[in-house]
Amino acid sequence: MNTAHPRLLNGLSELAPDIDGFVLDLWGVMHDGVQPYPGAIDCLEQIQKAGKRAVFLSNAPRRVQAVIDHLTHLGVPRELYHDVLSSGEAAWRAIRDQSDEFVRSLGRECLHIGPDRDLTMLEGGLINRRTTADGASFAMITGAHSADSVVADYQSILDDMKKRGLPAICANPDLEVIRGGKREICAGAIAARYEEMGGEVRYYGKPHANVLEEAVGMLGVDKSRAVMVGDSFRTDIAAANAAGVGGVFVARGIYAERLMIEPGKQPKAEAVALMATEFGVTVDHVLPGLIWQADR
């Protein structure tokens, strides 16, 4: 991996000679939750035309089909990407498969903290939904109930959880997201507060290496011929580092403001390297946005 300043790219086409598979984040890379970013759909088309593959790896706290449905709603054609993996799917499968002692100890009575759009996480009759901590055996945190929510809004329910010693699953480790230009808290921010209180939390999704390794497996290429493309040092780039996969940082996402750039503009390599150091990660390449070529 590059230990100096990252390489600034004008588009993903510059990696095409050496890379056969692209693992792409969704929020902050492909779209902002409301519409695809300029050039993003064209980039998918060009990846396909070049004989490469794209897989989406998202910390969306929902099952894969719900993620695909949302992409279709946003106008992203299903035929332009090879597959999808979500943190929600990883968490759901862990419960289904009773994957380890922690999951087996959770029981079936689940307090769900999150919006109704995340209820696909309760599919399959694996767990029973509870609306309060009373009677619950664990909590599943998928996100905030509204765009205006702040972590303090959940203090009372977190207090109830802690009083009862409830363990929690966090199906989205992200702390925040930008939806239509506005910052919103994610499940990770609520879960982090519970951890600060001494609560036990199991996270699924990036930055854990296993989900990225699975996504690379979906591509069907060696990891030396794959890259992770994302806008978060804390999750996307950290996952790339942990899995030994090249990391491409997209500057138009959640850190654009801190990098003091307009969305879609290229930051200074020195600024990206410095910020990456704050998070203890290494960035190999930097993109202004998900584009194939700057002049397209």
Protein backbone atom coordinates (compact mmCIF):
# COMPACT_ATOMS: atom_id res chain seq x y z
CA MET A 1 0.00 0.00 0.00
CA ASN A 2 1.01 3.58 -0.58
CA THR A 3 2.57 5.02 2.58
CA ALA A 4 3.18 8.48 1.10
CA HIS A 5 0.68 10.80 -0.54
CA PRO A 6 -2.12 9.08 -2.45
CA ARG A 7 -2.34 9.26 -6.22
CA LEU A 8 -4.92 11.72 -7.52
CA LEU A 9 -7.11 10.19 -10.24
CA ASN A 10 -9.18 12.02 -12.82
CA GLY A 11 -11.36 8.92 -13.20
CA LEU A 12 -11.49 5.18 -12.52
CA SER A 13 -10.36 4.52 -16.10
CA GLU A 14 -6.81 5.24 -14.92
CA LEU A 15 -6.95 2.04 -12.84
CA ALA A 16 -8.40 -0.12 -15.63
CA PRO A 17 -5.06 -1.64 -16.76
CA ASP A 18 -4.44 -3.07 -13.29
CA ILE A 19 -7.91 -3.56 -11.80
CA ASP A 20 -10.64 -6.00 -12.87
CA GLY A 21 -13.14 -5.54 -10.05
CA PHE A 22 -14.52 -2.51 -8.26
CA VAL A 23 -16.22 -2.74 -4.86
CA LEU A 24 -18.27 0.44 -4.61
CA ASP A 25 -19.83 2.10 -1.61
CA LEU A 26 -23.30 3.53 -2.19
CA TRP A 27 -24.09 6.59 -0.03
CA GLY A 28 -21.61 9.36 -0.76
CA VAL A 29 -20.24 7.54 -3.80
CA MET A 30 -23.05 6.33 -6.05
CA HIS A 31 -25.82 8.55 -4.69
CA ASP A 32 -26.86 10.88 -1.88
CA GLY A 33 -29.99 8.96 -0.96
CA VAL A 34 -32.09 11.13 -3.27
CA GLN A 35 -30.40 10.87 -6.67
CA PRO A 36 -27.26 9.43 -8.29
CA TYR A 37 -24.26 11.72 -8.45
CA PRO A 38 -23.26 13.21 -11.81
CA GLY A 39 -21.24 10.70 -13.82
CA ALA A 40 -21.95 7.75 -11.52
CA ILE A 41 -24.27 5.80 -13.82
CA ASP A 42 -21.99 6.50 -16.77
CA CYS A 43 -19.11 5.14 -14.69
CA LEU A 44 -20.98 1.87 -14.16
CA GLU A 45 -21.64 1.66 -17.89
CA GLN A 46 -17.96 2.21 -18.68
CA ILE A 47 -16.83 -0.35 -16.11
CA GLN A 48 -19.04 -2.88 -17.85
CA LYS A 49 -17.89 -1.88 -21.35
CA ALA A 50 -14.29 -2.30 -20.24
CA GLY A 51 -15.03 -5.91 -19.30
CA LYS A 52 -14.77 -5.22 -15.57
CA ARG A 53 -17.22 -5.92 -12.74
CA ALA A 54 -18.77 -3.73 -10.06
CA VAL A 55 -20.20 -4.93 -6.75
CA PHE A 56 -21.89 -2.60 -4.28
CA LEU A 57 -20.88 -2.98 -0.63
CA SER A 58 -23.03 -0.83 1.59
CA ASN A 59 -23.48 -0.30 5.31
CA ALA A 60 -27.20 -0.06 4.62
CA PRO A 61 -29.06 -1.68 7.55
CA ARG A 62 -31.40 -3.54 5.20
CA ARG A 63 -31.57 -6.82 3.31
CA VAL A 64 -29.98 -6.93 -0.14
CA GLN A 65 -33.27 -6.90 -2.07
CA ALA A 66 -34.33 -3.70 -0.30
CA VAL A 67 -31.03 -2.10 -1.34
CA ILE A 68 -31.55 -3.19 -4.95
CA ASP A 69 -35.11 -1.85 -4.90
CA HIS A 70 -33.84 1.51 -3.66
CA LEU A 71 -31.20 1.65 -6.40
CA THR A 72 -33.87 0.90 -9.00
CA HIS A 73 -36.06 3.65 -7.52
CA LEU A 74 -33.13 6.06 -7.90
CA GLY A 75 -32.75 5.10 -11.56
CA VAL A 76 -29.70 2.82 -11.32
CA PRO A 77 -30.26 -0.06 -13.81
CA ARG A 78 -29.85 -3.53 -12.27
CA GLU A 79 -27.89 -4.80 -15.27
CA LEU A 80 -25.05 -2.34 -14.63
CA TYR A 81 -23.74 -4.00 -11.46
CA HIS A 82 -22.82 -7.59 -10.72
CA ASP A 83 -24.05 -7.96 -7.14
CA VAL A 84 -24.79 -6.26 -3.82
CA LEU A 85 -23.81 -6.97 -0.23
CA SER A 86 -25.09 -4.97 2.74
CA SER A 87 -24.25 -4.81 6.42
CA GLY A 88 -27.91 -5.50 7.08
CA GLU A 89 -27.73 -8.73 5.09
CA ALA A 90 -24.61 -9.76 7.01
CA ALA A 91 -26.37 -9.14 10.34
CA TRP A 92 -29.55 -10.93 9.22
CA ARG A 93 -27.58 -13.98 8.06
CA ALA A 94 -25.66 -14.09 11.34
CA ILE A 95 -28.98 -14.34 13.19
CA ARG A 96 -30.36 -16.88 10.74
CA ASP A 97 -27.26 -19.06 10.94
CA GLN A 98 -26.74 -18.54 14.69
CA SER A 99 -23.18 -17.85 13.64
CA ASP A 100 -21.40 -17.74 17.00
CA GLU A 101 -21.88 -17.85 20.76
CA PHE A 102 -22.73 -14.15 20.98
CA VAL A 103 -25.56 -14.46 18.45
CA ARG A 104 -26.83 -17.68 20.01
CA SER A 105 -27.04 -15.92 23.37
CA LEU A 106 -29.29 -13.11 22.08
CA GLY A 107 -32.61 -14.91 22.23
CA ARG A 108 -35.56 -14.03 19.99
CA GLU A 109 -37.11 -10.96 21.60
CA CYS A 110 -35.76 -7.96 19.67
CA LEU A 111 -36.12 -4.28 20.49
CA HIS A 112 -35.79 -2.56 17.11
CA ILE A 113 -34.35 0.96 17.11
CA GLY A 114 -34.78 2.41 13.66
CA PRO A 115 -37.25 3.47 10.98
CA ASP A 116 -39.88 1.19 9.50
CA ARG A 117 -38.00 1.07 6.18
CA ASP A 118 -35.48 -1.19 7.96
CA LEU A 119 -38.05 -3.79 9.01
CA THR A 120 -36.71 -6.21 6.38
CA MET A 121 -34.19 -7.02 9.11
CA LEU A 122 -36.98 -8.81 10.97
CA GLU A 123 -37.99 -10.97 8.02
CA GLY A 124 -38.10 -14.75 8.15
CA GLY A 125 -39.68 -15.28 11.55
CA LEU A 126 -36.25 -15.48 13.16
CA ILE A 127 -36.96 -12.91 15.87
CA ASN A 128 -39.95 -11.23 17.49
CA ARG A 129 -40.25 -7.44 17.49
CA ARG A 130 -40.54 -5.58 20.78
CA THR A 131 -41.31 -1.87 21.01
CA THR A 132 -39.77 -1.33 24.47
CA ALA A 133 -36.79 -2.73 26.35
CA ASP A 134 -39.19 -4.46 28.74
CA GLY A 135 -39.36 -8.09 27.67
CA ALA A 136 -36.63 -7.75 25.04
CA SER A 137 -33.59 -10.03 25.11
CA PHE A 138 -31.48 -7.83 22.80
CA ALA A 139 -31.66 -4.70 20.66
CA MET A 140 -31.09 -4.22 16.96
CA ILE A 141 -30.02 -0.70 16.04
CA THR A 142 -30.58 0.16 12.39
CA GLY A 143 -30.78 3.95 12.42
CA ALA A 144 -32.57 7.10 13.45
CA HIS A 145 -36.34 7.42 13.26
CA SER A 146 -36.25 10.74 11.44
CA ALA A 147 -33.86 12.97 9.51
CA ASP A 148 -33.80 15.48 12.38
CA SER A 149 -32.94 12.97 15.10
CA VAL A 150 -29.90 13.44 17.34
CA VAL A 151 -28.25 10.87 19.58
CA ALA A 152 -29.67 12.52 22.71
CA ASP A 153 -33.17 11.60 21.51
CA TYR A 154 -32.34 7.95 22.26
CA GLN A 155 -30.86 8.41 25.73
CA SER A 156 -33.98 7.25 27.56
CA ILE A 157 -34.28 4.00 25.63
CA LEU A 158 -30.53 3.40 25.91
CA ASP A 159 -30.85 3.88 29.67
CA ASP A 160 -33.61 1.24 29.73
CA MET A 161 -31.44 -1.13 27.69
CA LYS A 162 -28.46 -0.64 29.99
CA LYS A 163 -30.60 -1.15 33.09
CA ARG A 164 -31.68 -4.54 31.71
CA GLY A 165 -28.21 -5.45 30.42
CA LEU A 166 -29.39 -5.86 26.83
CA PRO A 167 -26.70 -6.62 24.24
CA ALA A 168 -27.12 -4.87 20.90
CA ILE A 169 -26.51 -5.54 17.23
CA CYS A 170 -25.63 -2.52 15.11
CA ALA A 171 -26.53 -3.14 11.47
CA ASN A 172 -24.85 0.05 10.22
CA PRO A 173 -21.52 1.13 11.76
CA ASP A 174 -21.62 4.51 9.98
CA LEU A 175 -21.85 7.54 12.27
CA GLU A 176 -23.45 9.86 9.74
CA VAL A 177 -24.63 10.14 6.17
CA ILE A 178 -25.50 12.97 3.81
CA ARG A 179 -29.00 12.67 2.40
CA GLY A 180 -29.86 15.25 -0.24
CA GLY A 181 -27.16 17.58 1.05
CA LYS A 182 -28.11 17.31 4.74
CA ARG A 183 -26.21 15.40 7.41
CA GLU A 184 -28.10 12.76 9.38
CA ILE A 185 -26.98 10.45 12.16
CA CYS A 186 -26.74 6.73 11.47
CA ALA A 187 -27.07 3.64 13.65
CA GLY A 188 -23.36 3.71 14.47
CA ALA A 189 -23.73 6.99 16.35
CA ILE A 190 -26.48 5.56 18.57
CA ALA A 191 -24.53 2.33 19.11
CA ALA A 192 -21.38 4.28 19.97
CA ARG A 193 -23.29 6.12 22.69
CA TYR A 194 -24.49 2.78 24.11
CA GLU A 195 -20.90 1.53 24.17
CA GLU A 196 -19.83 4.70 26.00
CA MET A 197 -22.41 3.78 28.63
CA GLY A 198 -20.85 0.33 29.01
CA GLY A 199 -23.34 -1.51 26.80
CA GLU A 200 -22.27 -4.46 24.67
CA VAL A 201 -22.52 -3.92 20.89
CA ARG A 202 -21.74 -6.21 17.95
CA TYR A 203 -21.22 -4.35 14.66
CA TYR A 204 -21.77 -5.79 11.18
CA GLY A 205 -20.40 -4.30 7.96
CA LYS A 206 -17.43 -2.11 7.12
CA PRO A 207 -14.78 -1.57 8.53
CA HIS A 208 -14.63 -5.32 9.20
CA ALA A 209 -12.51 -7.13 6.63
CA ASN A 210 -14.85 -10.12 6.25
CA VAL A 211 -17.60 -8.25 4.39
CA LEU A 212 -15.13 -6.73 1.93
CA GLU A 213 -13.49 -10.12 1.41
CA GLU A 214 -16.93 -11.55 0.61
CA ALA A 215 -17.61 -8.71 -1.83
CA VAL A 216 -14.28 -9.33 -3.58
CA GLY A 217 -15.27 -12.99 -3.80
CA MET A 218 -18.48 -11.94 -5.56
CA LEU A 219 -16.36 -10.14 -8.15
CA GLY A 220 -14.55 -13.37 -8.93
CA VAL A 221 -11.13 -11.68 -9.10
CA ASP A 222 -7.99 -11.88 -7.00
CA LYS A 223 -7.90 -9.17 -4.36
CA SER A 224 -4.73 -7.80 -5.95
CA ARG A 225 -6.92 -6.92 -8.96
CA ALA A 226 -9.69 -5.29 -6.90
CA VAL A 227 -10.18 -1.96 -5.14
CA MET A 228 -12.60 -0.61 -2.55
CA VAL A 229 -14.07 2.75 -3.59
CA GLY A 230 -15.62 4.74 -0.74
CA ASP A 231 -16.00 8.14 0.91
CA SER A 232 -15.31 7.13 4.52
CA PHE A 233 -11.87 6.77 6.06
CA ARG A 234 -13.43 5.15 9.12
CA THR A 235 -15.32 2.39 7.31
CA ASP A 236 -14.49 2.06 3.59
CA ILE A 237 -10.76 2.75 3.65
CA ALA A 238 -10.31 0.99 7.00
CA ALA A 239 -11.98 -2.11 5.53
CA ALA A 240 -9.69 -1.93 2.48
CA ASN A 241 -6.63 -1.75 4.72
CA ALA A 242 -7.86 -4.61 6.91
CA ALA A 243 -8.58 -6.85 3.90
CA GLY A 244 -5.38 -6.00 2.03
CA VAL A 245 -7.30 -4.41 -0.85
CA GLY A 246 -6.46 -1.12 -2.57
CA GLY A 247 -8.39 1.85 -1.21
CA VAL A 248 -9.83 4.61 -3.41
CA PHE A 249 -11.13 7.60 -1.47
CA VAL A 250 -14.01 9.57 -3.03
CA ALA A 251 -13.68 13.18 -1.94
CA ARG A 252 -17.22 14.37 -2.64
CA GLY A 253 -18.71 12.47 0.30
CA ILE A 254 -18.93 13.14 4.03
CA TYR A 255 -15.47 14.71 4.34
CA ALA A 256 -15.75 17.24 1.48
CA GLU A 257 -16.48 20.02 3.94
CA ARG A 258 -13.48 19.22 6.13
CA LEU A 259 -11.28 19.03 3.05
CA MET A 260 -12.57 22.49 2.14
CA ILE A 261 -13.61 21.53 -1.38
CA GLU A 262 -16.79 21.84 -3.37
CA PRO A 263 -18.42 18.44 -4.01
CA GLY A 264 -16.94 16.91 -7.14
CA LYS A 265 -13.68 18.85 -6.88
CA GLN A 266 -10.29 17.23 -6.28
CA PRO A 267 -8.63 17.87 -2.91
CA LYS A 268 -4.91 18.18 -2.31
CA ALA A 269 -3.17 14.83 -1.86
CA GLU A 270 -1.44 16.20 1.24
CA ALA A 271 -4.78 17.06 2.85
CA VAL A 272 -6.17 13.57 2.21
CA ALA A 273 -3.02 11.91 3.56
CA LEU A 274 -3.15 14.04 6.71
CA MET A 275 -6.81 13.29 7.35
CA ALA A 276 -6.26 9.58 6.70
CA THR A 277 -3.55 9.63 9.36
CA GLU A 278 -6.12 10.92 11.87
CA PHE A 279 -8.11 7.73 11.26
CA GLY A 280 -5.07 5.45 11.22
CA VAL A 281 -5.59 4.40 7.60
CA THR A 282 -3.74 4.61 4.29
CA VAL A 283 -5.34 5.83 1.06
CA ASP A 284 -3.92 4.61 -2.25
CA HIS A 285 -5.91 6.74 -4.70
CA VAL A 286 -8.26 9.74 -4.60
CA LEU A 287 -11.22 10.46 -6.89
CA PRO A 288 -13.21 13.71 -6.99
CA GLY A 289 -16.35 11.61 -7.54
CA LEU A 290 -17.43 8.30 -9.05
CA ILE A 291 -16.48 9.10 -12.65
CA TRP A 292 -14.79 7.10 -15.38
CA GLN A 293 -13.02 9.98 -17.13
CA ALA A 294 -12.90 13.66 -16.26
CA ASP A 295 -14.08 14.75 -19.70
CA ARG A 296 -17.10 12.44 -19.88
